[in-house]
Amino acid sequence: MTAACIRENGGISSISAPTNSALRFLGRQAILDSSMGVYGYELLFRSGTSNVFCGDSEDATNHIIDSCLSMIACASPNNLFINCTRDALVNMSVTLLPSRSVVLEILETVTPDEELVRACARLKQAGFRLALDDFSPQENKRPLVEMADFIKVDFRASTPEVRRDIYEMCRRKNAVFVAEKVETAAEVETAQAEGNTFFQGYFHSRPEIITESQISANKFIYLQMFAALAKSSPDTQEVERLLLLEPSLCYKLLRLANSALNGLRYRISTIQGALVAVGDDAFRKLVTVVLAGKLAHSAHDHNVRQALERAHFCESLAPALREAPEELYMLGMLSMMDQMLNISMKTLVKLVFVNSRIEDALLGSTKELGRALELCRYHERGGESSGLLHNDALFHDSASSYFQALISAGTLLHTLDS
């Protein structure tokens, strides 16, 4: 079955074939504040370079969730509005998205029954903001109005009388009004006079197409896990939640936790048990080793080996650099992730949300944590010192640590592949 392609202003276009390539596409339309600065963007499903909507709403929401994970860094640092169907809300699939960046738009076709209202309440507790799309002043929507952060008012589909009813129903709540589908300066002035705070429509720009190389959805679970593990005190419940989204990862981790490498005399059967048995630091290392193998095509992938070598070497420098060993270990692992995922390092650090010190080092600083990567690259070049900003005794004294890191990485790769 084919589906009509609908332009954002409601017109019908001819059907365009989906693009079958290694690229993914999104439409992005700006949402402006009262000073006409960009407050955020609504992300719109696109199957290719045609600037129209094609397909099923459920598929579109799933596509946007998946694409948003890949493209959130190039779309906007915050305030990304994403259309959500009932299933995406009730099944909580939207929780894969970062709550601090995303506003969940509840489509006007979604029936606000008790199950949906409970799901929205849980999403609010999880830190998500809610917007009611193409809002109409129906009595059964009051529970959603109580939770809404944004009320979107469609200027193409509503009369001044209907808009007055919307404002009257919602004005005493905490939500702010977003005038959407405003197409002229006069309509913007009218919307401002009526009390709208934000504005979206062709008066400013049509949706633009943005595109980026695809990264599979399960790899984004791994990236989220790297983000959780990069914190000085990882939230073990969050790590466990992410692990449970990828059963094969749980299996691999538990197998490693039970391996002879850890010298345990009893069987570990839960993620929490693995954490308690091996401790925070060892657990972090176990997870990152498994993640490295999952992100590459093979446990023998050169990038995996190099990431593990860098992690062990950087960690060994902790006493000399007077830095936290867990931060240095994570730095070494992340330093190869851009090549594993075929994305830029700037995109990677935005996706993983690392702290500023790790971010600076990953982006090329040779100060503080960055000295570890500078030393690592020195040894990877076989001791070639041209271009070094530092050249002191530590470069030569760390040679044995680098050699030991090569051995340790090889041992772990053997365990990972067994």
Protein backbone atom coordinates (compact mmCIF):
# COMPACT_ATOMS: atom_id res chain seq x y z
CA MET A 1 0.00 0.00 0.00
CA THR A 2 1.26 3.47 -0.83
CA ALA A 3 0.55 6.63 1.11
CA ALA A 4 0.00 10.17 -0.07
CA CYS A 5 2.71 12.74 0.50
CA ILE A 6 1.42 15.74 2.39
CA ARG A 7 3.10 19.10 2.45
CA GLU A 8 3.27 20.86 5.82
CA ASN A 9 0.69 23.46 4.76
CA GLY A 10 -1.82 20.68 4.06
CA GLY A 11 -1.49 20.39 0.28
CA ILE A 12 -1.12 17.08 -1.51
CA SER A 13 1.95 16.27 -3.54
CA SER A 14 2.74 13.41 -5.85
CA ILE A 15 4.11 10.25 -4.27
CA SER A 16 7.89 10.15 -4.11
CA ALA A 17 9.81 6.94 -3.65
CA PRO A 18 11.67 6.50 -0.39
CA THR A 19 15.38 7.01 -0.63
CA ASN A 20 17.23 3.73 -0.15
CA SER A 21 20.73 4.77 0.91
CA ALA A 22 23.06 5.05 3.84
CA LEU A 23 21.65 8.48 4.54
CA ARG A 24 18.68 9.50 6.68
CA PHE A 25 16.58 12.63 6.25
CA LEU A 26 14.61 14.97 8.49
CA GLY A 27 12.72 18.15 7.90
CA ARG A 28 13.54 20.90 10.38
CA GLN A 29 11.41 24.01 10.90
CA ALA A 30 12.39 26.78 13.27
CA ILE A 31 10.26 27.92 16.21
CA LEU A 32 10.95 31.58 17.00
CA ASP A 33 10.61 33.61 20.17
CA SER A 34 9.10 37.10 20.47
CA SER A 35 12.37 38.73 19.35
CA MET A 36 12.38 36.44 16.27
CA GLY A 37 15.37 34.50 17.54
CA VAL A 38 15.40 30.70 17.16
CA TYR A 39 14.01 29.02 20.27
CA GLY A 40 14.09 25.48 18.86
CA TYR A 41 13.05 23.30 15.93
CA GLU A 42 10.25 20.92 15.08
CA LEU A 43 11.65 17.79 13.47
CA LEU A 44 9.51 16.39 10.64
CA PHE A 45 9.60 12.97 8.99
CA ARG A 46 11.11 12.87 5.50
CA SER A 47 11.69 9.74 3.41
CA GLY A 48 14.06 11.51 1.04
CA THR A 49 15.01 14.89 -0.33
CA SER A 50 11.41 15.82 -1.22
CA ASN A 51 10.18 18.33 1.34
CA VAL A 52 6.88 16.50 2.00
CA PHE A 53 5.47 14.01 4.48
CA CYS A 54 5.02 10.48 3.12
CA GLY A 55 3.70 7.47 4.97
CA ASP A 56 2.20 6.26 8.22
CA SER A 57 2.21 8.42 11.36
CA GLU A 58 3.44 5.59 13.60
CA ASP A 59 6.32 4.80 11.26
CA ALA A 60 7.10 8.49 11.01
CA THR A 61 7.35 8.86 14.79
CA ASN A 62 9.62 5.82 15.06
CA HIS A 63 11.76 7.14 12.22
CA ILE A 64 12.08 10.54 13.90
CA ILE A 65 13.00 8.99 17.26
CA ASP A 66 15.67 6.89 15.58
CA SER A 67 16.91 9.75 13.40
CA CYS A 68 16.81 12.24 16.25
CA LEU A 69 19.27 10.14 18.20
CA SER A 70 21.66 10.33 15.27
CA MET A 71 21.04 13.92 14.26
CA ILE A 72 20.25 15.71 17.52
CA ALA A 73 23.65 17.34 17.57
CA CYS A 74 23.28 18.89 14.13
CA ALA A 75 19.61 19.80 14.59
CA SER A 76 19.89 22.03 17.65
CA PRO A 77 21.42 21.86 21.13
CA ASN A 78 18.00 21.99 22.77
CA ASN A 79 14.24 22.43 22.34
CA LEU A 80 13.56 19.83 19.67
CA PHE A 81 9.80 19.34 19.15
CA ILE A 82 8.90 15.81 18.03
CA ASN A 83 5.44 14.59 17.00
CA CYS A 84 4.40 11.55 19.04
CA THR A 85 1.69 9.00 18.40
CA ARG A 86 -0.23 7.26 21.16
CA ASP A 87 1.90 4.10 20.95
CA ALA A 88 5.17 6.03 21.21
CA LEU A 89 3.91 7.68 24.41
CA VAL A 90 2.22 4.70 26.05
CA ASN A 91 5.04 2.27 25.18
CA MET A 92 7.61 4.79 26.43
CA SER A 93 9.79 4.42 23.32
CA VAL A 94 10.31 8.18 23.47
CA THR A 95 12.38 7.71 26.65
CA LEU A 96 15.30 6.80 24.38
CA LEU A 97 15.49 10.52 23.64
CA PRO A 98 17.28 13.00 25.94
CA SER A 99 14.62 14.64 28.13
CA ARG A 100 16.58 17.86 28.55
CA SER A 101 16.56 18.50 24.78
CA VAL A 102 13.24 17.15 23.57
CA VAL A 103 9.65 18.43 23.71
CA LEU A 104 7.09 15.69 23.03
CA GLU A 105 4.23 16.89 20.82
CA ILE A 106 1.00 15.00 21.45
CA LEU A 107 -0.82 14.81 18.13
CA GLU A 108 -4.35 16.16 17.94
CA THR A 109 -5.56 12.71 16.82
CA VAL A 110 -4.48 11.08 20.10
CA THR A 111 -7.39 10.28 22.43
CA PRO A 112 -6.63 11.48 25.99
CA ASP A 113 -7.87 8.40 27.86
CA GLU A 114 -6.67 7.31 31.31
CA GLU A 115 -3.81 5.16 29.98
CA LEU A 116 -2.44 8.02 27.90
CA VAL A 117 -2.75 10.51 30.76
CA ARG A 118 -0.84 8.14 33.08
CA ALA A 119 1.89 7.72 30.47
CA CYS A 120 2.21 11.49 30.05
CA ALA A 121 2.46 11.91 33.82
CA ARG A 122 5.33 9.40 33.90
CA LEU A 123 7.06 11.23 31.05
CA LYS A 124 6.73 14.52 32.93
CA GLN A 125 8.29 12.90 35.99
CA ALA A 126 11.14 11.72 33.75
CA GLY A 127 11.83 15.35 32.83
CA PHE A 128 10.16 15.62 29.43
CA ARG A 129 8.20 18.70 28.38
CA LEU A 130 4.87 18.21 26.63
CA ALA A 131 3.24 20.17 23.82
CA LEU A 132 -0.34 19.77 22.59
CA ASP A 133 -0.27 19.95 18.79
CA ASP A 134 -3.07 21.63 16.77
CA PHE A 135 -5.00 22.10 19.99
CA SER A 136 -8.79 22.27 20.01
CA PRO A 137 -10.72 23.28 23.16
CA GLN A 138 -12.38 19.96 23.98
CA GLU A 139 -13.35 19.17 27.55
CA ASN A 140 -11.72 15.71 27.57
CA LYS A 141 -8.33 17.34 26.97
CA ARG A 142 -8.25 19.16 30.31
CA PRO A 143 -6.02 16.51 31.99
CA LEU A 144 -3.43 17.07 29.26
CA VAL A 145 -3.73 20.84 29.55
CA GLU A 146 -2.84 20.53 33.25
CA MET A 147 0.49 18.89 32.27
CA ALA A 148 1.27 20.76 29.06
CA ASP A 149 4.24 23.10 28.75
CA PHE A 150 3.23 24.32 25.28
CA ILE A 151 -0.13 24.73 23.54
CA LYS A 152 0.24 24.91 19.75
CA VAL A 153 -2.45 26.99 18.05
CA ASP A 154 -2.98 26.28 14.35
CA PHE A 155 -3.70 29.58 12.56
CA ARG A 156 -4.71 27.83 9.34
CA ALA A 157 -7.30 25.58 11.01
CA SER A 158 -8.82 27.91 13.60
CA THR A 159 -11.01 31.00 13.52
CA PRO A 160 -10.52 33.95 15.90
CA GLU A 161 -13.51 32.65 17.88
CA VAL A 162 -12.00 29.18 18.28
CA ARG A 163 -8.66 30.68 19.32
CA ARG A 164 -10.42 32.76 22.00
CA ASP A 165 -11.90 29.54 23.39
CA ILE A 166 -8.42 27.93 23.38
CA TYR A 167 -6.85 30.87 25.24
CA GLU A 168 -9.69 30.95 27.76
CA MET A 169 -9.37 27.22 28.47
CA CYS A 170 -5.60 27.26 28.88
CA ARG A 171 -4.57 30.77 29.94
CA ARG A 172 -4.58 30.13 33.70
CA LYS A 173 -2.33 27.09 33.33
CA ASN A 174 1.46 26.99 33.13
CA ALA A 175 1.63 26.35 29.39
CA VAL A 176 2.76 28.97 26.88
CA PHE A 177 1.17 29.39 23.46
CA VAL A 178 2.90 28.60 20.17
CA ALA A 179 1.30 30.07 17.04
CA GLU A 180 1.90 27.59 14.24
CA LYS A 181 1.29 27.89 10.49
CA VAL A 182 1.53 31.66 10.58
CA GLU A 183 2.47 32.75 7.08
CA THR A 184 2.53 36.55 7.04
CA ALA A 185 3.89 39.36 9.19
CA ALA A 186 0.31 40.43 9.87
CA GLU A 187 -0.54 36.99 11.24
CA VAL A 188 2.53 37.12 13.49
CA GLU A 189 1.37 40.50 14.84
CA THR A 190 -2.10 39.08 15.45
CA ALA A 191 -0.65 36.05 17.20
CA GLN A 192 1.49 38.26 19.44
CA ALA A 193 -1.51 40.43 20.30
CA GLU A 194 -3.47 37.30 21.23
CA GLY A 195 -0.79 36.25 23.72
CA ASN A 196 1.33 33.73 21.80
CA THR A 197 4.94 33.51 22.99
CA PHE A 198 6.48 31.47 20.16
CA PHE A 199 5.88 31.42 16.39
CA GLN A 200 6.30 28.83 13.65
CA GLY A 201 5.40 29.03 10.00
CA TYR A 202 6.22 30.00 6.44
CA PHE A 203 6.48 33.71 7.40
CA HIS A 204 10.00 32.82 8.51
CA SER A 205 10.98 29.73 6.53
CA ARG A 206 9.77 26.48 5.08
CA PRO A 207 11.12 23.28 6.61
CA GLU A 208 14.69 22.57 5.52
CA ILE A 209 16.04 19.10 4.85
CA ILE A 210 18.95 17.94 6.99
CA THR A 211 20.74 14.67 6.43
CA GLU A 212 23.46 12.58 7.99
CA SER A 213 24.94 9.11 7.76
CA GLN A 214 22.83 6.54 9.55
CA ILE A 215 23.87 4.99 12.82
CA SER A 216 21.82 1.95 13.79
CA ALA A 217 19.45 2.30 16.72
CA ASN A 218 21.18 -0.28 18.89
CA LYS A 219 24.45 1.61 18.57
CA PHE A 220 22.74 4.61 20.11
CA ILE A 221 21.88 2.51 23.13
CA TYR A 222 25.63 1.94 23.42
CA LEU A 223 26.34 5.65 23.07
CA GLN A 224 23.83 6.43 25.80
CA MET A 225 25.58 3.88 27.96
CA PHE A 226 28.93 5.53 27.32
CA ALA A 227 27.33 8.78 28.44
CA ALA A 228 26.11 7.15 31.66
CA LEU A 229 29.49 5.54 32.33
CA ALA A 230 31.39 8.76 31.63
CA LYS A 231 29.94 10.32 34.78
CA SER A 232 32.15 10.30 37.87
CA SER A 233 29.37 8.45 39.76
CA PRO A 234 27.39 6.40 37.22
CA ASP A 235 23.69 5.89 37.88
CA THR A 236 23.62 2.10 38.06
CA GLN A 237 19.85 1.98 37.56
CA GLU A 238 20.21 3.96 34.33
CA VAL A 239 23.03 1.67 33.16
CA GLU A 240 20.94 -1.40 33.97
CA ARG A 241 17.92 0.06 32.10
CA LEU A 242 20.05 0.61 29.01
CA LEU A 243 21.61 -2.84 29.24
CA LEU A 244 18.19 -4.46 29.37
CA LEU A 245 17.32 -2.80 26.05
CA GLU A 246 20.00 -4.94 24.40
CA PRO A 247 19.73 -8.58 25.61
CA SER A 248 22.83 -9.73 23.73
CA LEU A 249 24.83 -7.07 25.53
CA CYS A 250 23.53 -8.31 28.91
CA TYR A 251 24.58 -11.84 27.98
CA LYS A 252 28.05 -10.79 26.91
CA LEU A 253 28.55 -8.68 30.03
CA LEU A 254 27.44 -11.42 32.42
CA ARG A 255 29.65 -13.93 30.63
CA LEU A 256 32.62 -11.62 31.06
CA ALA A 257 31.75 -10.94 34.69
CA ASN A 258 31.72 -14.71 35.29
CA SER A 259 34.93 -15.34 33.36
CA ALA A 260 38.11 -16.63 34.92
CA LEU A 261 39.57 -13.17 34.31
CA ASN A 262 37.74 -11.95 37.43
CA GLY A 263 38.60 -14.91 39.65
CA LEU A 264 35.10 -15.24 41.10
CA ARG A 265 34.04 -18.45 42.88
CA TYR A 266 30.30 -18.10 42.36
CA ARG A 267 27.99 -17.47 39.41
CA ILE A 268 26.71 -13.95 38.69
CA SER A 269 23.23 -13.88 37.16
CA THR A 270 22.15 -10.22 37.35
CA ILE A 271 23.55 -6.88 36.25
CA GLN A 272 23.35 -5.60 39.82
CA GLY A 273 25.21 -8.72 40.93
CA ALA A 274 27.96 -8.02 38.41
CA LEU A 275 28.30 -4.49 39.70
CA VAL A 276 28.51 -5.58 43.34
CA ALA A 277 30.91 -8.44 42.60
CA VAL A 278 33.48 -6.56 40.55
CA GLY A 279 33.06 -2.99 41.85
CA ASP A 280 32.31 0.31 40.10
CA ASP A 281 35.61 0.72 38.27
CA ALA A 282 35.90 -2.87 37.06
CA PHE A 283 32.22 -2.87 36.04
CA ARG A 284 32.78 0.29 34.00
CA LYS A 285 35.70 -1.40 32.24
CA LEU A 286 33.73 -4.56 31.55
CA VAL A 287 30.89 -2.59 29.98
CA THR A 288 33.19 -0.44 27.84
CA VAL A 289 35.04 -3.51 26.58
CA VAL A 290 31.75 -5.10 25.49
CA LEU A 291 30.54 -1.84 23.96
CA ALA A 292 33.72 -1.47 21.95
CA GLY A 293 33.21 -4.91 20.45
CA LYS A 294 29.55 -4.18 19.71
CA LEU A 295 30.31 -0.89 17.99
CA ALA A 296 32.71 -2.54 15.57
CA HIS A 297 32.15 -5.33 13.05
CA SER A 298 34.47 -7.73 14.82
CA ALA A 299 36.28 -8.15 18.11
CA HIS A 300 39.44 -8.04 16.00
CA ASP A 301 38.58 -4.65 14.50
CA HIS A 302 41.62 -2.37 14.50
CA ASN A 303 39.66 0.51 16.02
CA VAL A 304 38.53 -1.64 18.94
CA ARG A 305 42.06 -2.73 19.67
CA GLN A 306 43.33 0.85 19.47
CA ALA A 307 40.54 2.12 21.73
CA LEU A 308 41.38 -0.48 24.36
CA GLU A 309 45.09 0.24 24.08
CA ARG A 310 44.44 3.96 24.55
CA ALA A 311 42.11 3.33 27.48
CA HIS A 312 44.64 1.22 29.36
CA PHE A 313 47.52 3.53 28.57
CA CYS A 314 45.69 6.72 29.52
CA GLU A 315 44.53 5.11 32.76
CA SER A 316 48.13 4.16 33.63
CA LEU A 317 49.11 7.85 33.48
CA ALA A 318 46.73 8.83 36.29
CA PRO A 319 49.41 9.08 39.05
CA ALA A 320 51.85 11.04 36.86
CA LEU A 321 49.19 13.44 35.57
CA ARG A 322 47.34 13.58 38.91
CA GLU A 323 44.07 12.85 37.21
CA ALA A 324 41.21 10.43 37.95
CA PRO A 325 41.97 7.02 36.37
CA GLU A 326 38.31 6.42 35.43
CA GLU A 327 38.21 9.68 33.44
CA LEU A 328 41.42 8.81 31.62
CA TYR A 329 40.16 5.31 30.82
CA MET A 330 36.92 6.72 29.37
CA LEU A 331 38.88 9.32 27.42
CA GLY A 332 40.94 6.62 25.73
CA MET A 333 37.85 4.60 24.82
CA LEU A 334 35.94 7.58 23.44
CA SER A 335 38.89 8.83 21.40
CA MET A 336 38.21 6.14 18.78
CA MET A 337 34.39 6.25 18.79
CA ASP A 338 34.18 8.82 16.01
CA GLN A 339 35.97 6.42 13.66
CA MET A 340 33.88 3.44 14.80
CA LEU A 341 30.65 5.33 14.09
CA ASN A 342 31.87 7.34 11.10
CA ILE A 343 30.81 10.66 12.63
CA SER A 344 32.74 13.78 13.60
CA MET A 345 34.18 14.10 17.08
CA LYS A 346 32.15 17.30 17.57
CA THR A 347 28.97 15.31 16.94
CA LEU A 348 30.12 12.51 19.23
CA VAL A 349 30.74 14.72 22.27
CA LYS A 350 27.28 16.26 21.87
CA LEU A 351 25.65 12.84 21.64
CA VAL A 352 27.48 11.44 24.65
CA PHE A 353 27.28 14.59 26.82
CA VAL A 354 30.74 14.11 28.36
CA ASN A 355 32.05 16.60 30.90
CA SER A 356 33.93 19.66 29.66
CA ARG A 357 37.39 18.31 30.54
CA ILE A 358 36.92 15.10 28.51
CA GLU A 359 35.29 17.11 25.72
CA ASP A 360 38.25 19.51 25.51
CA ALA A 361 40.68 16.59 25.31
CA LEU A 362 38.65 14.80 22.63
CA LEU A 363 38.48 17.99 20.57
CA GLY A 364 42.26 18.42 20.54
CA SER A 365 43.37 20.21 23.71
CA THR A 366 46.73 18.97 25.02
CA LYS A 367 46.17 20.46 28.47
CA GLU A 368 45.06 18.49 31.54
CA LEU A 369 43.42 15.24 30.33
CA GLY A 370 44.52 16.04 26.79
CA ARG A 371 48.14 15.34 27.73
CA ALA A 372 47.26 11.65 27.98
CA LEU A 373 46.11 11.51 24.36
CA GLU A 374 49.16 13.51 23.28
CA LEU A 375 51.40 10.95 24.96
CA CYS A 376 49.41 8.09 23.46
CA ARG A 377 49.71 9.43 19.92
CA TYR A 378 53.44 9.97 20.49
CA HIS A 379 53.89 6.25 21.20
CA GLU A 380 51.53 5.25 18.36
CA ARG A 381 53.83 7.16 16.01
CA GLY A 382 56.76 5.13 17.27
CA GLY A 383 58.23 7.92 19.37
CA GLU A 384 58.12 10.57 16.63
CA SER A 385 58.17 13.90 18.49
CA SER A 386 57.57 16.41 15.70
CA GLY A 387 54.68 18.73 16.45
CA LEU A 388 54.60 18.00 20.16
CA LEU A 389 53.68 20.88 22.44
CA HIS A 390 55.27 19.06 25.37
CA ASN A 391 58.43 16.97 25.21
CA ASP A 392 59.56 16.10 28.72
CA ALA A 393 60.74 13.01 30.53
CA LEU A 394 57.19 11.63 30.79
CA PHE A 395 57.16 10.90 27.07
CA HIS A 396 60.13 8.56 27.40
CA ASP A 397 59.30 7.23 30.88
CA SER A 398 55.84 6.12 29.75
CA ALA A 399 57.12 3.73 27.10
CA SER A 400 56.85 0.70 29.38
CA SER A 401 53.28 1.69 30.32
CA TYR A 402 52.39 1.86 26.64
CA PHE A 403 53.87 -1.58 26.02
CA GLN A 404 51.87 -2.98 28.97
CA ALA A 405 48.71 -1.37 27.58
CA LEU A 406 49.20 -3.26 24.32
CA ILE A 407 49.41 -6.53 26.24
CA SER A 408 46.35 -5.74 28.39
CA ALA A 409 44.27 -4.80 25.33
CA GLY A 410 45.23 -8.05 23.61
CA THR A 411 44.22 -10.08 26.67
CA LEU A 412 40.82 -8.38 26.85
CA LEU A 413 40.20 -8.86 23.13
CA HIS A 414 40.91 -12.55 23.52
CA THR A 415 38.39 -12.72 26.39
CA LEU A 416 35.82 -10.77 24.35
CA ASP A 417 36.13 -13.11 21.41
CA SER A 418 36.13 -16.36 23.39
